[in-house]
């Protein structure tokens, strides 16, 4: 990514600032790519990004379980926030 090193660092810093402390967001900063097998049955979303040196475009990729994160889990998470409960209540399964 010749010429884009500083920009790539700024993008990474922006994602870390926005999502670094979110309990259900997994940021993939290395060469790892999001994969549904890593998020199936969870309320987690994986996010990765690449800066395309050829086009100068930012490519953002994500994977989530569309039932847990996309519907029911999101409803529980939102209810937790509205009711003043811990955001993770009922959503972390060990």
PDB file of N, CA and C in Angstrom:
ATOM      1  N   UNK A   1       0.836  -1.183   0.000  1.00  0.00           N
ATOM      2  CA  UNK A   1       0.000   0.000   0.000  1.00  0.00           C
ATOM      3  C   UNK A   1       0.876   1.240   0.000  1.00  0.00           C
ATOM      4  N   UNK A   2       1.675   1.320  -0.982  1.00  0.00           N
ATOM      5  CA  UNK A   2       2.597   2.436  -1.122  1.00  0.00           C
ATOM      6  C   UNK A   2       1.842   3.763  -1.088  1.00  0.00           C
ATOM      7  N   UNK A   3       2.264   4.661  -0.212  1.00  0.00           N
ATOM      8  CA  UNK A   3       1.647   5.975  -0.133  1.00  0.00           C
ATOM      9  C   UNK A   3       0.407   6.046   0.740  1.00  0.00           C
ATOM     10  N   UNK A   4      -0.064   4.911   1.210  1.00  0.00           N
ATOM     11  CA  UNK A   4      -1.291   4.888   2.007  1.00  0.00           C
ATOM     12  C   UNK A   4      -1.056   4.488   3.459  1.00  0.00           C
ATOM     13  N   UNK A   5       0.211   4.282   3.860  1.00  0.00           N
ATOM     14  CA  UNK A   5       0.516   3.823   5.214  1.00  0.00           C
ATOM     15  C   UNK A   5      -0.094   4.695   6.296  1.00  0.00           C
ATOM     16  N   UNK A   6       0.065   6.016   6.186  1.00  0.00           N
ATOM     17  CA  UNK A   6      -0.492   6.919   7.194  1.00  0.00           C
ATOM     18  C   UNK A   6      -2.006   6.903   7.203  1.00  0.00           C
ATOM     19  N   UNK A   7      -2.599   6.827   6.032  1.00  0.00           N
ATOM     20  CA  UNK A   7      -4.056   6.778   5.936  1.00  0.00           C
ATOM     21  C   UNK A   7      -4.595   5.479   6.527  1.00  0.00           C
ATOM     22  N   UNK A   8      -3.926   4.381   6.252  1.00  0.00           N
ATOM     23  CA  UNK A   8      -4.345   3.097   6.800  1.00  0.00           C
ATOM     24  C   UNK A   8      -4.306   3.129   8.329  1.00  0.00           C
ATOM     25  N   UNK A   9      -3.295   3.746   8.900  1.00  0.00           N
ATOM     26  CA  UNK A   9      -3.195   3.873  10.358  1.00  0.00           C
ATOM     27  C   UNK A   9      -4.322   4.740  10.909  1.00  0.00           C
ATOM     28  N   UNK A  10      -4.683   5.788  10.201  1.00  0.00           N
ATOM     29  CA  UNK A  10      -5.788   6.652  10.638  1.00  0.00           C
ATOM     30  C   UNK A  10      -7.124   5.905  10.596  1.00  0.00           C
ATOM     31  N   UNK A  11      -7.313   5.104   9.574  1.00  0.00           N
ATOM     32  CA  UNK A  11      -8.537   4.316   9.460  1.00  0.00           C
ATOM     33  C   UNK A  11      -8.621   3.324  10.614  1.00  0.00           C
ATOM     34  N   UNK A  12      -7.526   2.629  10.886  1.00  0.00           N
ATOM     35  CA  UNK A  12      -7.492   1.682  12.000  1.00  0.00           C
ATOM     36  C   UNK A  12      -7.782   2.391  13.313  1.00  0.00           C
ATOM     37  N   UNK A  13      -7.183   3.558  13.521  1.00  0.00           N
ATOM     38  CA  UNK A  13      -7.419   4.329  14.750  1.00  0.00           C
ATOM     39  C   UNK A  13      -8.883   4.742  14.872  1.00  0.00           C
ATOM     40  N   UNK A  14      -9.499   5.114  13.762  1.00  0.00           N
ATOM     41  CA  UNK A  14     -10.912   5.508  13.774  1.00  0.00           C
ATOM     42  C   UNK A  14     -11.814   4.331  14.148  1.00  0.00           C
ATOM     43  N   UNK A  15     -11.541   3.146  13.584  1.00  0.00           N
ATOM     44  CA  UNK A  15     -12.325   1.965  13.937  1.00  0.00           C
ATOM     45  C   UNK A  15     -12.121   1.603  15.402  1.00  0.00           C
ATOM     46  N   UNK A  16     -10.883   1.688  15.879  1.00  0.00           N
ATOM     47  CA  UNK A  16     -10.615   1.386  17.288  1.00  0.00           C
ATOM     48  C   UNK A  16     -11.348   2.359  18.211  1.00  0.00           C
ATOM     49  N   UNK A  17     -11.352   3.633  17.851  1.00  0.00           N
ATOM     50  CA  UNK A  17     -12.032   4.631  18.673  1.00  0.00           C
ATOM     51  C   UNK A  17     -13.539   4.385  18.697  1.00  0.00           C
ATOM     52  N   UNK A  18     -14.102   4.069  17.540  1.00  0.00           N
ATOM     53  CA  UNK A  18     -15.553   3.884  17.431  1.00  0.00           C
ATOM     54  C   UNK A  18     -16.026   2.566  18.028  1.00  0.00           C
ATOM     55  N   UNK A  19     -15.279   1.497  17.839  1.00  0.00           N
ATOM     56  CA  UNK A  19     -15.782   0.165  18.191  1.00  0.00           C
ATOM     57  C   UNK A  19     -14.879  -0.634  19.123  1.00  0.00           C
ATOM     58  N   UNK A  20     -13.716  -0.134  19.463  1.00  0.00           N
ATOM     59  CA  UNK A  20     -12.739  -0.894  20.231  1.00  0.00           C
ATOM     60  C   UNK A  20     -13.227  -1.389  21.579  1.00  0.00           C
ATOM     61  N   UNK A  21     -14.144  -0.678  22.202  1.00  0.00           N
ATOM     62  CA  UNK A  21     -14.648  -1.077  23.523  1.00  0.00           C
ATOM     63  C   UNK A  21     -16.043  -1.694  23.473  1.00  0.00           C
ATOM     64  N   UNK A  22     -16.572  -1.920  22.288  1.00  0.00           N
ATOM     65  CA  UNK A  22     -17.906  -2.497  22.156  1.00  0.00           C
ATOM     66  C   UNK A  22     -17.850  -3.997  22.411  1.00  0.00           C
ATOM     67  N   UNK A  23     -18.726  -4.508  23.280  1.00  0.00           N
ATOM     68  CA  UNK A  23     -18.631  -5.914  23.660  1.00  0.00           C
ATOM     69  C   UNK A  23     -18.972  -6.908  22.546  1.00  0.00           C
ATOM     70  N   UNK A  24     -19.703  -6.484  21.540  1.00  0.00           N
ATOM     71  CA  UNK A  24     -20.129  -7.413  20.503  1.00  0.00           C
ATOM     72  C   UNK A  24     -19.508  -7.110  19.141  1.00  0.00           C
ATOM     73  N   UNK A  25     -18.449  -6.317  19.119  1.00  0.00           N
ATOM     74  CA  UNK A  25     -17.762  -5.999  17.867  1.00  0.00           C
ATOM     75  C   UNK A  25     -16.345  -6.542  17.949  1.00  0.00           C
ATOM     76  N   UNK A  26     -15.993  -7.368  16.980  1.00  0.00           N
ATOM     77  CA  UNK A  26     -14.639  -7.909  16.893  1.00  0.00           C
ATOM     78  C   UNK A  26     -13.970  -7.293  15.676  1.00  0.00           C
ATOM     79  N   UNK A  27     -12.957  -6.457  15.917  1.00  0.00           N
ATOM     80  CA  UNK A  27     -12.229  -5.803  14.836  1.00  0.00           C
ATOM     81  C   UNK A  27     -11.069  -6.684  14.405  1.00  0.00           C
ATOM     82  N   UNK A  28     -10.989  -6.954  13.117  1.00  0.00           N
ATOM     83  CA  UNK A  28      -9.930  -7.798  12.559  1.00  0.00           C
ATOM     84  C   UNK A  28      -8.936  -6.901  11.840  1.00  0.00           C
ATOM     85  N   UNK A  29      -7.832  -6.627  12.492  1.00  0.00           N
ATOM     86  CA  UNK A  29      -6.884  -5.662  11.949  1.00  0.00           C
ATOM     87  C   UNK A  29      -5.782  -6.275  11.100  1.00  0.00           C
ATOM     88  N   UNK A  30      -5.531  -7.557  11.239  1.00  0.00           N
ATOM     89  CA  UNK A  30      -4.450  -8.158  10.465  1.00  0.00           C
ATOM     90  C   UNK A  30      -4.991  -8.572   9.099  1.00  0.00           C
ATOM     91  N   UNK A  31      -4.495  -9.643   8.584  1.00  0.00           N
ATOM     92  CA  UNK A  31      -4.973 -10.126   7.289  1.00  0.00           C
ATOM     93  C   UNK A  31      -6.198 -11.023   7.423  1.00  0.00           C
ATOM     94  N   UNK A  32      -6.685 -11.191   8.644  1.00  0.00           N
ATOM     95  CA  UNK A  32      -7.870 -12.024   8.869  1.00  0.00           C
ATOM     96  C   UNK A  32      -9.088 -11.411   8.198  1.00  0.00           C
ATOM     97  N   UNK A  33      -9.980 -12.273   7.761  1.00  0.00           N
ATOM     98  CA  UNK A  33     -11.230 -11.828   7.148  1.00  0.00           C
ATOM     99  C   UNK A  33     -12.410 -12.315   7.978  1.00  0.00           C
ATOM    100  N   UNK A  34     -13.504 -11.568   7.993  1.00  0.00           N
ATOM    101  CA  UNK A  34     -14.698 -12.000   8.720  1.00  0.00           C
ATOM    102  C   UNK A  34     -15.219 -13.318   8.158  1.00  0.00           C
ATOM    103  N   UNK A  35     -15.741 -14.146   9.038  1.00  0.00           N
ATOM    104  CA  UNK A  35     -16.258 -15.443   8.611  1.00  0.00           C
ATOM    105  C   UNK A  35     -17.457 -15.796   9.479  1.00  0.00           C
ATOM    106  N   UNK A  36     -18.530 -16.218   8.860  1.00  0.00           N
ATOM    107  CA  UNK A  36     -19.740 -16.543   9.617  1.00  0.00           C
ATOM    108  C   UNK A  36     -19.515 -17.690  10.597  1.00  0.00           C
ATOM    109  N   UNK A  37     -18.561 -18.577  10.323  1.00  0.00           N
ATOM    110  CA  UNK A  37     -18.319 -19.677  11.266  1.00  0.00           C
ATOM    111  C   UNK A  37     -17.820 -19.161  12.615  1.00  0.00           C
ATOM    112  N   UNK A  38     -17.233 -17.967  12.640  1.00  0.00           N
ATOM    113  CA  UNK A  38     -16.722 -17.387  13.882  1.00  0.00           C
ATOM    114  C   UNK A  38     -17.794 -16.649  14.678  1.00  0.00           C
ATOM    115  N   UNK A  39     -18.925 -16.358  14.067  1.00  0.00           N
ATOM    116  CA  UNK A  39     -19.964 -15.575  14.739  1.00  0.00           C
ATOM    117  C   UNK A  39     -21.302 -16.308  14.849  1.00  0.00           C
ATOM    118  N   UNK A  40     -21.398 -17.491  14.264  1.00  0.00           N
ATOM    119  CA  UNK A  40     -22.663 -18.246  14.287  1.00  0.00           C
ATOM    120  C   UNK A  40     -23.117 -18.489  15.722  1.00  0.00           C
ATOM    121  N   UNK A  41     -24.374 -18.188  15.979  1.00  0.00           N
ATOM    122  CA  UNK A  41     -24.950 -18.399  17.294  1.00  0.00           C
ATOM    123  C   UNK A  41     -24.533 -17.371  18.335  1.00  0.00           C
ATOM    124  N   UNK A  42     -23.975 -16.265  17.890  1.00  0.00           N
ATOM    125  CA  UNK A  42     -23.539 -15.216  18.828  1.00  0.00           C
ATOM    126  C   UNK A  42     -24.149 -13.879  18.423  1.00  0.00           C
ATOM    127  N   UNK A  43     -23.969 -12.909  19.277  1.00  0.00           N
ATOM    128  CA  UNK A  43     -24.406 -11.538  19.005  1.00  0.00           C
ATOM    129  C   UNK A  43     -23.224 -10.693  18.523  1.00  0.00           C
ATOM    130  N   UNK A  44     -22.169 -11.347  18.065  1.00  0.00           N
ATOM    131  CA  UNK A  44     -20.928 -10.677  17.658  1.00  0.00           C
ATOM    132  C   UNK A  44     -20.945 -10.383  16.168  1.00  0.00           C
ATOM    133  N   UNK A  45     -20.380  -9.240  15.809  1.00  0.00           N
ATOM    134  CA  UNK A  45     -20.109  -8.912  14.411  1.00  0.00           C
ATOM    135  C   UNK A  45     -18.605  -8.769  14.246  1.00  0.00           C
ATOM    136  N   UNK A  46     -18.067  -9.373  13.217  1.00  0.00           N
ATOM    137  CA  UNK A  46     -16.645  -9.225  12.879  1.00  0.00           C
ATOM    138  C   UNK A  46     -16.541  -8.199  11.755  1.00  0.00           C
ATOM    139  N   UNK A  47     -15.594  -7.281  11.884  1.00  0.00           N
ATOM    140  CA  UNK A  47     -15.400  -6.240  10.874  1.00  0.00           C
ATOM    141  C   UNK A  47     -13.925  -6.203  10.480  1.00  0.00           C
ATOM    142  N   UNK A  48     -13.683  -6.182   9.182  1.00  0.00           N
ATOM    143  CA  UNK A  48     -12.327  -6.033   8.649  1.00  0.00           C
ATOM    144  C   UNK A  48     -12.364  -4.966   7.563  1.00  0.00           C
ATOM    145  N   UNK A  49     -11.228  -4.385   7.281  1.00  0.00           N
ATOM    146  CA  UNK A  49     -11.158  -3.343   6.262  1.00  0.00           C
ATOM    147  C   UNK A  49      -9.809  -3.414   5.570  1.00  0.00           C
ATOM    148  N   UNK A  50      -9.817  -3.004   4.330  1.00  0.00           N
ATOM    149  CA  UNK A  50      -8.591  -2.932   3.533  1.00  0.00           C
ATOM    150  C   UNK A  50      -8.645  -1.652   2.724  1.00  0.00           C
ATOM    151  N   UNK A  51      -7.518  -1.043   2.565  1.00  0.00           N
ATOM    152  CA  UNK A  51      -7.397   0.120   1.704  1.00  0.00           C
ATOM    153  C   UNK A  51      -6.825  -0.374   0.383  1.00  0.00           C
ATOM    154  N   UNK A  52      -7.597  -0.246  -0.692  1.00  0.00           N
ATOM    155  CA  UNK A  52      -7.174  -0.706  -2.012  1.00  0.00           C
ATOM    156  C   UNK A  52      -6.269   0.347  -2.632  1.00  0.00           C
ATOM    157  N   UNK A  53      -4.981   0.046  -2.688  1.00  0.00           N
ATOM    158  CA  UNK A  53      -4.005   1.006  -3.210  1.00  0.00           C
ATOM    159  C   UNK A  53      -4.246   1.306  -4.690  1.00  0.00           C
ATOM    160  N   UNK A  54      -4.789   0.341  -5.409  1.00  0.00           N
ATOM    161  CA  UNK A  54      -5.025   0.538  -6.847  1.00  0.00           C
ATOM    162  C   UNK A  54      -6.111   1.571  -7.099  1.00  0.00           C
ATOM    163  N   UNK A  55      -7.205   1.493  -6.332  1.00  0.00           N
ATOM    164  CA  UNK A  55      -8.333   2.388  -6.573  1.00  0.00           C
ATOM    165  C   UNK A  55      -8.435   3.519  -5.557  1.00  0.00           C
ATOM    166  N   UNK A  56      -7.716   3.381  -4.429  1.00  0.00           N
ATOM    167  CA  UNK A  56      -7.811   4.381  -3.378  1.00  0.00           C
ATOM    168  C   UNK A  56      -9.102   4.273  -2.581  1.00  0.00           C
ATOM    169  N   UNK A  57      -9.776   3.146  -2.694  1.00  0.00           N
ATOM    170  CA  UNK A  57     -11.053   2.953  -1.994  1.00  0.00           C
ATOM    171  C   UNK A  57     -10.862   2.131  -0.736  1.00  0.00           C
ATOM    172  N   UNK A  58     -11.712   2.406   0.231  1.00  0.00           N
ATOM    173  CA  UNK A  58     -11.750   1.628   1.456  1.00  0.00           C
ATOM    174  C   UNK A  58     -12.770   0.511   1.263  1.00  0.00           C
ATOM    175  N   UNK A  59     -12.358  -0.721   1.520  1.00  0.00           N
ATOM    176  CA  UNK A  59     -13.232  -1.871   1.409  1.00  0.00           C
ATOM    177  C   UNK A  59     -13.513  -2.363   2.827  1.00  0.00           C
ATOM    178  N   UNK A  60     -14.776  -2.417   3.203  1.00  0.00           N
ATOM    179  CA  UNK A  60     -15.181  -2.858   4.537  1.00  0.00           C
ATOM    180  C   UNK A  60     -15.974  -4.149   4.389  1.00  0.00           C
ATOM    181  N   UNK A  61     -15.592  -5.137   5.201  1.00  0.00           N
ATOM    182  CA  UNK A  61     -16.242  -6.446   5.170  1.00  0.00           C
ATOM    183  C   UNK A  61     -16.720  -6.782   6.576  1.00  0.00           C
ATOM    184  N   UNK A  62     -17.827  -7.498   6.675  1.00  0.00           N
ATOM    185  CA  UNK A  62     -18.318  -7.893   7.991  1.00  0.00           C
ATOM    186  C   UNK A  62     -19.034  -9.231   7.897  1.00  0.00           C
ATOM    187  N   UNK A  63     -19.158  -9.873   9.059  1.00  0.00           N
ATOM    188  CA  UNK A  63     -19.923 -11.119   9.161  1.00  0.00           C
ATOM    189  C   UNK A  63     -20.681 -11.085  10.478  1.00  0.00           C
ATOM    190  N   UNK A  64     -21.948 -11.499  10.409  1.00  0.00           N
ATOM    191  CA  UNK A  64     -22.768 -11.592  11.609  1.00  0.00           C
ATOM    192  C   UNK A  64     -23.751 -12.732  11.431  1.00  0.00           C
ATOM    193  N   UNK A  65     -24.256 -13.218  12.543  1.00  0.00           N
ATOM    194  CA  UNK A  65     -25.314 -14.215  12.509  1.00  0.00           C
ATOM    195  C   UNK A  65     -26.606 -13.417  12.335  1.00  0.00           C
ATOM    196  N   UNK A  66     -27.273 -13.557  11.214  1.00  0.00           N
ATOM    197  CA  UNK A  66     -28.415 -12.685  10.929  1.00  0.00           C
ATOM    198  C   UNK A  66     -29.622 -12.955  11.810  1.00  0.00           C
ATOM    199  N   UNK A  67     -29.633 -14.047  12.547  1.00  0.00           N
ATOM    200  CA  UNK A  67     -30.733 -14.280  13.478  1.00  0.00           C
ATOM    201  C   UNK A  67     -30.398 -13.674  14.837  1.00  0.00           C
ATOM    202  N   UNK A  68     -29.269 -14.056  15.379  1.00  0.00           N
ATOM    203  CA  UNK A  68     -28.918 -13.566  16.716  1.00  0.00           C
ATOM    204  C   UNK A  68     -28.577 -12.084  16.681  1.00  0.00           C
ATOM    205  N   UNK A  69     -27.599 -11.685  15.897  1.00  0.00           N
ATOM    206  CA  UNK A  69     -27.212 -10.269  15.846  1.00  0.00           C
ATOM    207  C   UNK A  69     -28.219  -9.456  15.046  1.00  0.00           C
ATOM    208  N   UNK A  70     -28.734 -10.039  14.000  1.00  0.00           N
ATOM    209  CA  UNK A  70     -29.585  -9.279  13.100  1.00  0.00           C
ATOM    210  C   UNK A  70     -31.010  -9.084  13.564  1.00  0.00           C
ATOM    211  N   UNK A  71     -31.493  -9.894  14.476  1.00  0.00           N
ATOM    212  CA  UNK A  71     -32.904  -9.771  14.864  1.00  0.00           C
ATOM    213  C   UNK A  71     -33.059  -9.897  16.375  1.00  0.00           C
ATOM    214  N   UNK A  72     -33.135 -11.106  16.860  1.00  0.00           N
ATOM    215  CA  UNK A  72     -33.454 -11.304  18.277  1.00  0.00           C
ATOM    216  C   UNK A  72     -32.399 -10.742  19.206  1.00  0.00           C
ATOM    217  N   UNK A  73     -31.127 -10.978  18.914  1.00  0.00           N
ATOM    218  CA  UNK A  73     -30.061 -10.462  19.775  1.00  0.00           C
ATOM    219  C   UNK A  73     -30.030  -8.954  19.802  1.00  0.00           C
ATOM    220  N   UNK A  74     -30.266  -8.341  18.664  1.00  0.00           N
ATOM    221  CA  UNK A  74     -30.280  -6.880  18.603  1.00  0.00           C
ATOM    222  C   UNK A  74     -31.434  -6.325  19.421  1.00  0.00           C
ATOM    223  N   UNK A  75     -32.574  -7.007  19.393  1.00  0.00           N
ATOM    224  CA  UNK A  75     -33.724  -6.564  20.189  1.00  0.00           C
ATOM    225  C   UNK A  75     -33.415  -6.647  21.684  1.00  0.00           C
ATOM    226  N   UNK A  76     -32.789  -7.741  22.107  1.00  0.00           N
ATOM    227  CA  UNK A  76     -32.427  -7.891  23.521  1.00  0.00           C
ATOM    228  C   UNK A  76     -31.396  -6.839  23.917  1.00  0.00           C
ATOM    229  N   UNK A  77     -30.402  -6.634  23.071  1.00  0.00           N
ATOM    230  CA  UNK A  77     -29.374  -5.633  23.348  1.00  0.00           C
ATOM    231  C   UNK A  77     -29.996  -4.243  23.484  1.00  0.00           C
ATOM    232  N   UNK A  78     -30.891  -3.888  22.599  1.00  0.00           N
ATOM    233  CA  UNK A  78     -31.557  -2.580  22.652  1.00  0.00           C
ATOM    234  C   UNK A  78     -32.433  -2.454  23.893  1.00  0.00           C
ATOM    235  N   UNK A  79     -33.151  -3.530  24.239  1.00  0.00           N
ATOM    236  CA  UNK A  79     -33.981  -3.508  25.444  1.00  0.00           C
ATOM    237  C   UNK A  79     -33.108  -3.317  26.688  1.00  0.00           C
ATOM    238  N   UNK A  80     -31.977  -4.007  26.734  1.00  0.00           N
ATOM    239  CA  UNK A  80     -31.057  -3.856  27.861  1.00  0.00           C
ATOM    240  C   UNK A  80     -30.643  -2.399  28.033  1.00  0.00           C
ATOM    241  N   UNK A  81     -30.287  -1.756  26.955  1.00  0.00           N
ATOM    242  CA  UNK A  81     -29.856  -0.359  27.007  1.00  0.00           C
ATOM    243  C   UNK A  81     -31.007   0.530  27.468  1.00  0.00           C
ATOM    244  N   UNK A  82     -32.198   0.316  26.896  1.00  0.00           N
ATOM    245  CA  UNK A  82     -33.366   1.132  27.261  1.00  0.00           C
ATOM    246  C   UNK A  82     -33.749   0.973  28.727  1.00  0.00           C
ATOM    247  N   UNK A  83     -33.567  -0.228  29.266  1.00  0.00           N
ATOM    248  CA  UNK A  83     -33.980  -0.506  30.647  1.00  0.00           C
ATOM    249  C   UNK A  83     -32.859  -0.275  31.661  1.00  0.00           C
ATOM    250  N   UNK A  84     -31.721   0.201  31.203  1.00  0.00           N
ATOM    251  CA  UNK A  84     -30.615   0.472  32.110  1.00  0.00           C
ATOM    252  C   UNK A  84     -29.889  -0.768  32.596  1.00  0.00           C
ATOM    253  N   UNK A  85     -30.057  -1.876  31.898  1.00  0.00           N
ATOM    254  CA  UNK A  85     -29.381  -3.123  32.246  1.00  0.00           C
ATOM    255  C   UNK A  85     -28.020  -3.164  31.555  1.00  0.00           C
ATOM    256  N   UNK A  86     -27.135  -4.053  32.002  1.00  0.00           N
ATOM    257  CA  UNK A  86     -25.880  -4.222  31.265  1.00  0.00           C
ATOM    258  C   UNK A  86     -26.182  -4.614  29.823  1.00  0.00           C
ATOM    259  N   UNK A  87     -25.506  -3.995  28.890  1.00  0.00           N
ATOM    260  CA  UNK A  87     -25.751  -4.221  27.471  1.00  0.00           C
ATOM    261  C   UNK A  87     -25.618  -5.696  27.097  1.00  0.00           C
ATOM    262  N   UNK A  88     -24.798  -6.431  27.817  1.00  0.00           N
ATOM    263  CA  UNK A  88     -24.526  -7.828  27.487  1.00  0.00           C
ATOM    264  C   UNK A  88     -25.459  -8.821  28.174  1.00  0.00           C
ATOM    265  N   UNK A  89     -26.383  -8.340  29.005  1.00  0.00           N
ATOM    266  CA  UNK A  89     -27.258  -9.239  29.771  1.00  0.00           C
ATOM    267  C   UNK A  89     -28.025 -10.187  28.846  1.00  0.00           C
ATOM    268  N   UNK A  90     -27.907 -11.473  29.123  1.00  0.00           N
ATOM    269  CA  UNK A  90     -28.625 -12.481  28.351  1.00  0.00           C
ATOM    270  C   UNK A  90     -28.065 -12.751  26.981  1.00  0.00           C
ATOM    271  N   UNK A  91     -26.914 -12.177  26.674  1.00  0.00           N
ATOM    272  CA  UNK A  91     -26.365 -12.326  25.317  1.00  0.00           C
ATOM    273  C   UNK A  91     -24.999 -12.973  25.260  1.00  0.00           C
ATOM    274  N   UNK A  92     -24.360 -13.181  26.389  1.00  0.00           N
ATOM    275  CA  UNK A  92     -23.049 -13.824  26.387  1.00  0.00           C
ATOM    276  C   UNK A  92     -23.240 -15.244  26.874  1.00  0.00           C
ATOM    277  N   UNK A  93     -22.852 -16.179  26.015  1.00  0.00           N
ATOM    278  CA  UNK A  93     -23.013 -17.592  26.309  1.00  0.00           C
ATOM    279  C   UNK A  93     -21.632 -18.215  26.412  1.00  0.00           C
ATOM    280  N   UNK A  94     -21.320 -18.811  27.548  1.00  0.00           N
ATOM    281  CA  UNK A  94     -20.008 -19.451  27.709  1.00  0.00           C
ATOM    282  C   UNK A  94     -20.116 -20.935  27.654  1.00  0.00           C
TER     283      UNK A  94
END
